[in-house]
Amino acid sequence: MTPATTTDALDAHHDLTWLIGALARALHARRDMHSAILPALERVAGCDFNAPLADTAPRLAAACRRLPEAVVAALPVAEEVAQALAACFEHLKWRGDDAQWAAADVLGPVGPVRCANGGIRVVIAAQDAVAPVADERNLLFVLAGRAGYHDMHGALRQLDAGGVAVVGGHELRACSSAPLLAVLLKR
């Protein structure tokens, strides 16, 4: 491993663990909003953050062009999370099926920070776009925009930036004129 590669890996590790820590702090501050927050954070805390990162070569999707606007909109909601996301989006593999939405795993079985039990996914979506959610029963934290989702009883709900809820369906809809920027945590 060359010195540049070692430095790049250390920078990526720092940026990604900063994002995970910032998300944990922002959610912990909202722990009274939903009873699912602390159990989701316990799953994240059980991960090994000293393990080597998986491949962090970036892969952008067309919907990532909305990230600058969404990150700026997220600053008043969760300033540290927005800053950390801006610092580490280059280490993520974004995927999406069109220019309307993209998702990137930060932590989990396929994220750069590997963890068998925990999971953190970032989602960006254009107005009225529908982004699939791989697994129902995720904890949803909206950083910017407004998300439409189905709750655990199948009712259609909307959640504004700063809100936390449990997603019961398999999709998120961006329901405002601003891009949706949200985080899903495995429960």
C-alpha atoms as a PDB file:
ATOM      1  CA  MET A   1       0.000   0.000   0.000  1.00  0.00           C
ATOM      2  CA  THR A   2       1.475   3.358  -1.002  1.00  0.00           C
ATOM      3  CA  PRO A   3       1.539   6.320   1.424  1.00  0.00           C
ATOM      4  CA  ALA A   4      -1.088   8.166  -0.672  1.00  0.00           C
ATOM      5  CA  THR A   5      -3.379   5.144  -0.534  1.00  0.00           C
ATOM      6  CA  THR A   6      -2.916   4.880   3.234  1.00  0.00           C
ATOM      7  CA  THR A   7      -3.713   8.589   3.658  1.00  0.00           C
ATOM      8  CA  ASP A   8      -6.782   8.268   1.406  1.00  0.00           C
ATOM      9  CA  ALA A   9      -8.025   5.287   3.429  1.00  0.00           C
ATOM     10  CA  LEU A  10      -7.518   7.172   6.699  1.00  0.00           C
ATOM     11  CA  ASP A  11      -9.351  10.215   5.312  1.00  0.00           C
ATOM     12  CA  ALA A  12     -12.235   8.034   4.147  1.00  0.00           C
ATOM     13  CA  HIS A  13     -12.390   6.243   7.507  1.00  0.00           C
ATOM     14  CA  HIS A  14     -12.408   9.566   9.357  1.00  0.00           C
ATOM     15  CA  ASP A  15     -15.104  11.074   7.109  1.00  0.00           C
ATOM     16  CA  LEU A  16     -17.388   8.042   7.251  1.00  0.00           C
ATOM     17  CA  THR A  17     -17.096   7.537  11.007  1.00  0.00           C
ATOM     18  CA  TRP A  18     -17.705  11.280  11.464  1.00  0.00           C
ATOM     19  CA  LEU A  19     -20.946  10.952   9.464  1.00  0.00           C
ATOM     20  CA  ILE A  20     -22.062   7.935  11.495  1.00  0.00           C
ATOM     21  CA  GLY A  21     -21.224   9.707  14.778  1.00  0.00           C
ATOM     22  CA  ALA A  22     -22.975  12.906  13.675  1.00  0.00           C
ATOM     23  CA  LEU A  23     -26.100  10.937  12.758  1.00  0.00           C
ATOM     24  CA  ALA A  24     -26.000   9.155  16.103  1.00  0.00           C
ATOM     25  CA  ARG A  25     -25.688  12.450  17.988  1.00  0.00           C
ATOM     26  CA  ALA A  26     -28.494  14.092  15.981  1.00  0.00           C
ATOM     27  CA  LEU A  27     -30.818  11.137  16.519  1.00  0.00           C
ATOM     28  CA  HIS A  28     -29.920  10.816  20.191  1.00  0.00           C
ATOM     29  CA  ALA A  29     -30.916  14.461  20.636  1.00  0.00           C
ATOM     30  CA  ARG A  30     -34.315  13.484  19.160  1.00  0.00           C
ATOM     31  CA  ARG A  31     -34.697  10.301  21.245  1.00  0.00           C
ATOM     32  CA  ASP A  32     -37.995  11.543  22.699  1.00  0.00           C
ATOM     33  CA  MET A  33     -39.514  11.773  19.198  1.00  0.00           C
ATOM     34  CA  HIS A  34     -39.757   8.012  18.686  1.00  0.00           C
ATOM     35  CA  SER A  35     -39.182   4.902  20.786  1.00  0.00           C
ATOM     36  CA  ALA A  36     -37.330   3.215  17.892  1.00  0.00           C
ATOM     37  CA  ILE A  37     -34.397   5.647  17.972  1.00  0.00           C
ATOM     38  CA  LEU A  38     -32.430   4.136  20.866  1.00  0.00           C
ATOM     39  CA  PRO A  39     -32.727   0.512  19.649  1.00  0.00           C
ATOM     40  CA  ALA A  40     -31.577   1.587  16.165  1.00  0.00           C
ATOM     41  CA  LEU A  41     -28.619   3.433  17.687  1.00  0.00           C
ATOM     42  CA  GLU A  42     -27.766   0.336  19.753  1.00  0.00           C
ATOM     43  CA  ARG A  43     -27.463  -1.646  16.508  1.00  0.00           C
ATOM     44  CA  VAL A  44     -25.094   0.988  15.129  1.00  0.00           C
ATOM     45  CA  ALA A  45     -23.059   1.051  18.360  1.00  0.00           C
ATOM     46  CA  GLY A  46     -22.545  -2.711  18.094  1.00  0.00           C
ATOM     47  CA  CYS A  47     -20.530  -2.338  14.882  1.00  0.00           C
ATOM     48  CA  ASP A  48     -16.733  -2.546  14.713  1.00  0.00           C
ATOM     49  CA  PHE A  49     -15.532   0.885  13.612  1.00  0.00           C
ATOM     50  CA  ASN A  50     -11.880  -0.169  13.752  1.00  0.00           C
ATOM     51  CA  ALA A  51     -12.248  -2.727  10.982  1.00  0.00           C
ATOM     52  CA  PRO A  52     -10.791  -1.828   7.586  1.00  0.00           C
ATOM     53  CA  LEU A  53     -13.183  -0.135   5.189  1.00  0.00           C
ATOM     54  CA  ALA A  54     -14.555  -1.906   2.189  1.00  0.00           C
ATOM     55  CA  ASP A  55     -13.814  -0.360  -1.202  1.00  0.00           C
ATOM     56  CA  THR A  56     -14.496   3.387  -1.075  1.00  0.00           C
ATOM     57  CA  ALA A  57     -14.078   4.211  -4.756  1.00  0.00           C
ATOM     58  CA  PRO A  58     -16.880   6.684  -5.482  1.00  0.00           C
ATOM     59  CA  ARG A  59     -19.763   6.011  -7.819  1.00  0.00           C
ATOM     60  CA  LEU A  60     -22.163   8.868  -8.396  1.00  0.00           C
ATOM     61  CA  ALA A  61     -25.677   8.656  -9.783  1.00  0.00           C
ATOM     62  CA  ALA A  62     -27.441  11.337 -11.830  1.00  0.00           C
ATOM     63  CA  ALA A  63     -29.634  12.281  -8.851  1.00  0.00           C
ATOM     64  CA  CYS A  64     -26.499  13.283  -6.892  1.00  0.00           C
ATOM     65  CA  ARG A  65     -26.608  16.631  -8.680  1.00  0.00           C
ATOM     66  CA  ARG A  66     -29.266  17.546  -6.092  1.00  0.00           C
ATOM     67  CA  LEU A  67     -26.928  16.866  -3.157  1.00  0.00           C
ATOM     68  CA  PRO A  68     -25.471  20.393  -2.825  1.00  0.00           C
ATOM     69  CA  GLU A  69     -28.934  21.984  -2.570  1.00  0.00           C
ATOM     70  CA  ALA A  70     -30.175  19.292  -0.177  1.00  0.00           C
ATOM     71  CA  VAL A  71     -27.098  19.476   2.050  1.00  0.00           C
ATOM     72  CA  VAL A  72     -27.480  23.258   2.332  1.00  0.00           C
ATOM     73  CA  ALA A  73     -31.170  22.784   3.227  1.00  0.00           C
ATOM     74  CA  ALA A  74     -30.143  20.223   5.880  1.00  0.00           C
ATOM     75  CA  LEU A  75     -27.787  22.632   7.674  1.00  0.00           C
ATOM     76  CA  PRO A  76     -30.482  24.196   9.924  1.00  0.00           C
ATOM     77  CA  VAL A  77     -31.905  20.745  10.734  1.00  0.00           C
ATOM     78  CA  ALA A  78     -28.709  18.838  11.527  1.00  0.00           C
ATOM     79  CA  GLU A  79     -25.658  20.995  10.867  1.00  0.00           C
ATOM     80  CA  GLU A  80     -23.003  18.443  11.794  1.00  0.00           C
ATOM     81  CA  VAL A  81     -24.688  15.691   9.770  1.00  0.00           C
ATOM     82  CA  ALA A  82     -24.858  17.971   6.724  1.00  0.00           C
ATOM     83  CA  GLN A  83     -21.186  18.901   7.080  1.00  0.00           C
ATOM     84  CA  ALA A  84     -20.132  15.279   7.523  1.00  0.00           C
ATOM     85  CA  LEU A  85     -22.206  14.167   4.523  1.00  0.00           C
ATOM     86  CA  ALA A  86     -20.599  16.875   2.390  1.00  0.00           C
ATOM     87  CA  ALA A  87     -17.181  15.611   3.479  1.00  0.00           C
ATOM     88  CA  CYS A  88     -17.803  11.947   2.772  1.00  0.00           C
ATOM     89  CA  PHE A  89     -20.177  11.700  -0.198  1.00  0.00           C
ATOM     90  CA  GLU A  90     -17.125  11.085  -2.397  1.00  0.00           C
ATOM     91  CA  HIS A  91     -16.501   7.798  -0.539  1.00  0.00           C
ATOM     92  CA  LEU A  92     -19.973   6.393  -1.255  1.00  0.00           C
ATOM     93  CA  LYS A  93     -21.326   4.215  -4.034  1.00  0.00           C
ATOM     94  CA  TRP A  94     -24.576   5.874  -5.092  1.00  0.00           C
ATOM     95  CA  ARG A  95     -27.073   3.839  -7.060  1.00  0.00           C
ATOM     96  CA  GLY A  96     -30.426   4.613  -8.596  1.00  0.00           C
ATOM     97  CA  ASP A  97     -32.442   3.552 -11.582  1.00  0.00           C
ATOM     98  CA  ASP A  98     -32.904   7.020 -13.061  1.00  0.00           C
ATOM     99  CA  ALA A  99     -32.058  10.686 -12.479  1.00  0.00           C
ATOM    100  CA  GLN A 100     -34.854  11.047  -9.922  1.00  0.00           C
ATOM    101  CA  TRP A 101     -33.380   9.261  -6.891  1.00  0.00           C
ATOM    102  CA  ALA A 102     -30.170   7.754  -5.574  1.00  0.00           C
ATOM    103  CA  ALA A 103     -29.202   5.861  -2.437  1.00  0.00           C
ATOM    104  CA  ALA A 104     -25.877   5.021  -0.822  1.00  0.00           C
ATOM    105  CA  ASP A 105     -25.111   2.652   2.017  1.00  0.00           C
ATOM    106  CA  VAL A 106     -22.808   4.131   4.647  1.00  0.00           C
ATOM    107  CA  LEU A 107     -22.874   1.253   7.126  1.00  0.00           C
ATOM    108  CA  GLY A 108     -24.113  -2.305   6.732  1.00  0.00           C
ATOM    109  CA  PRO A 109     -23.378  -5.524   4.881  1.00  0.00           C
ATOM    110  CA  VAL A 110     -22.617  -3.664   1.627  1.00  0.00           C
ATOM    111  CA  GLY A 111     -21.525  -0.234   2.920  1.00  0.00           C
ATOM    112  CA  PRO A 112     -17.922   0.929   3.146  1.00  0.00           C
ATOM    113  CA  VAL A 113     -18.219   0.529   6.930  1.00  0.00           C
ATOM    114  CA  ARG A 114     -19.153  -3.144   7.196  1.00  0.00           C
ATOM    115  CA  CYS A 115     -21.607  -4.258   9.862  1.00  0.00           C
ATOM    116  CA  ALA A 116     -23.742  -7.374   9.872  1.00  0.00           C
ATOM    117  CA  ASN A 117     -26.478  -6.097  12.195  1.00  0.00           C
ATOM    118  CA  GLY A 118     -26.599  -2.330  11.686  1.00  0.00           C
ATOM    119  CA  GLY A 119     -27.416  -0.335   8.607  1.00  0.00           C
ATOM    120  CA  ILE A 120     -27.392   3.301   7.507  1.00  0.00           C
ATOM    121  CA  ARG A 121     -28.505   4.375   4.025  1.00  0.00           C
ATOM    122  CA  VAL A 122     -28.650   7.940   2.663  1.00  0.00           C
ATOM    123  CA  VAL A 123     -31.349   8.743   0.076  1.00  0.00           C
ATOM    124  CA  ILE A 124     -31.626  11.769  -2.233  1.00  0.00           C
ATOM    125  CA  ALA A 125     -34.726  12.261  -4.391  1.00  0.00           C
ATOM    126  CA  ALA A 126     -36.225  14.894  -6.688  1.00  0.00           C
ATOM    127  CA  GLN A 127     -39.702  16.351  -6.156  1.00  0.00           C
ATOM    128  CA  ASP A 128     -42.394  13.667  -6.570  1.00  0.00           C
ATOM    129  CA  ALA A 129     -39.788  10.951  -7.101  1.00  0.00           C
ATOM    130  CA  VAL A 130     -40.358   7.580  -5.485  1.00  0.00           C
ATOM    131  CA  ALA A 131     -37.294   5.888  -4.006  1.00  0.00           C
ATOM    132  CA  PRO A 132     -37.503   2.215  -3.084  1.00  0.00           C
ATOM    133  CA  VAL A 133     -36.695   1.156   0.462  1.00  0.00           C
ATOM    134  CA  ALA A 134     -34.993  -2.234   0.504  1.00  0.00           C
ATOM    135  CA  ASP A 135     -36.394  -3.325   3.843  1.00  0.00           C
ATOM    136  CA  GLU A 136     -39.509  -2.219   5.646  1.00  0.00           C
ATOM    137  CA  ARG A 137     -39.334  -1.282   9.321  1.00  0.00           C
ATOM    138  CA  ASN A 138     -36.516   1.217   8.902  1.00  0.00           C
ATOM    139  CA  LEU A 139     -36.112   4.280  11.067  1.00  0.00           C
ATOM    140  CA  LEU A 140     -36.491   7.326   8.821  1.00  0.00           C
ATOM    141  CA  PHE A 141     -34.740  10.621   9.632  1.00  0.00           C
ATOM    142  CA  VAL A 142     -35.542  13.435   7.187  1.00  0.00           C
ATOM    143  CA  LEU A 143     -32.718  15.940   6.790  1.00  0.00           C
ATOM    144  CA  ALA A 144     -34.201  18.115   4.011  1.00  0.00           C
ATOM    145  CA  GLY A 145     -37.508  18.294   2.165  1.00  0.00           C
ATOM    146  CA  ARG A 146     -40.581  16.271   3.091  1.00  0.00           C
ATOM    147  CA  ALA A 147     -40.975  12.497   2.846  1.00  0.00           C
ATOM    148  CA  GLY A 148     -44.141  10.570   2.126  1.00  0.00           C
ATOM    149  CA  TYR A 149     -44.114   7.058   3.539  1.00  0.00           C
ATOM    150  CA  HIS A 150     -46.377   4.302   4.837  1.00  0.00           C
ATOM    151  CA  ASP A 151     -46.338   3.790   8.594  1.00  0.00           C
ATOM    152  CA  MET A 152     -46.383   0.397  10.331  1.00  0.00           C
ATOM    153  CA  HIS A 153     -50.174   0.203   9.924  1.00  0.00           C
ATOM    154  CA  GLY A 154     -50.102   1.002   6.206  1.00  0.00           C
ATOM    155  CA  ALA A 155     -51.356   4.578   6.560  1.00  0.00           C
ATOM    156  CA  LEU A 156     -49.801   7.152   4.252  1.00  0.00           C
ATOM    157  CA  ARG A 157     -47.926   9.822   6.252  1.00  0.00           C
ATOM    158  CA  GLN A 158     -45.686  12.797   5.580  1.00  0.00           C
ATOM    159  CA  LEU A 159     -42.653  13.803   7.580  1.00  0.00           C
ATOM    160  CA  ASP A 160     -40.926  17.193   7.467  1.00  0.00           C
ATOM    161  CA  ALA A 161     -37.218  17.861   7.816  1.00  0.00           C
ATOM    162  CA  GLY A 162     -36.012  17.091  11.328  1.00  0.00           C
ATOM    163  CA  GLY A 163     -38.685  14.437  11.857  1.00  0.00           C
ATOM    164  CA  VAL A 164     -38.181  10.789  12.742  1.00  0.00           C
ATOM    165  CA  ALA A 165     -40.572   7.901  12.056  1.00  0.00           C
ATOM    166  CA  VAL A 166     -40.655   4.180  11.375  1.00  0.00           C
ATOM    167  CA  VAL A 167     -41.257   3.297   7.736  1.00  0.00           C
ATOM    168  CA  GLY A 168     -43.624   0.403   7.208  1.00  0.00           C
ATOM    169  CA  GLY A 169     -43.665   0.342   3.414  1.00  0.00           C
ATOM    170  CA  HIS A 170     -41.177  -0.219   0.658  1.00  0.00           C
ATOM    171  CA  GLU A 171     -40.873   3.317  -0.753  1.00  0.00           C
ATOM    172  CA  LEU A 172     -40.296   6.966   0.063  1.00  0.00           C
ATOM    173  CA  ARG A 173     -41.796   9.824  -1.919  1.00  0.00           C
ATOM    174  CA  ALA A 174     -40.303  13.316  -2.086  1.00  0.00           C
ATOM    175  CA  CYS A 175     -43.297  15.540  -1.256  1.00  0.00           C
ATOM    176  CA  SER A 176     -41.924  19.093  -1.451  1.00  0.00           C
ATOM    177  CA  SER A 177     -40.435  21.379  -4.068  1.00  0.00           C
ATOM    178  CA  ALA A 178     -37.001  20.902  -2.464  1.00  0.00           C
ATOM    179  CA  PRO A 179     -35.066  17.662  -2.896  1.00  0.00           C
ATOM    180  CA  LEU A 180     -35.591  15.015  -0.238  1.00  0.00           C
ATOM    181  CA  LEU A 181     -32.486  14.095   1.745  1.00  0.00           C
ATOM    182  CA  ALA A 182     -33.125  11.352   4.261  1.00  0.00           C
ATOM    183  CA  VAL A 183     -31.366   8.663   6.239  1.00  0.00           C
ATOM    184  CA  LEU A 184     -32.713   5.179   6.872  1.00  0.00           C
ATOM    185  CA  LEU A 185     -31.431   3.167   9.808  1.00  0.00           C
ATOM    186  CA  LYS A 186     -31.964  -0.550  10.109  1.00  0.00           C
ATOM    187  CA  ARG A 187     -34.169  -1.487  13.067  1.00  0.00           C
END
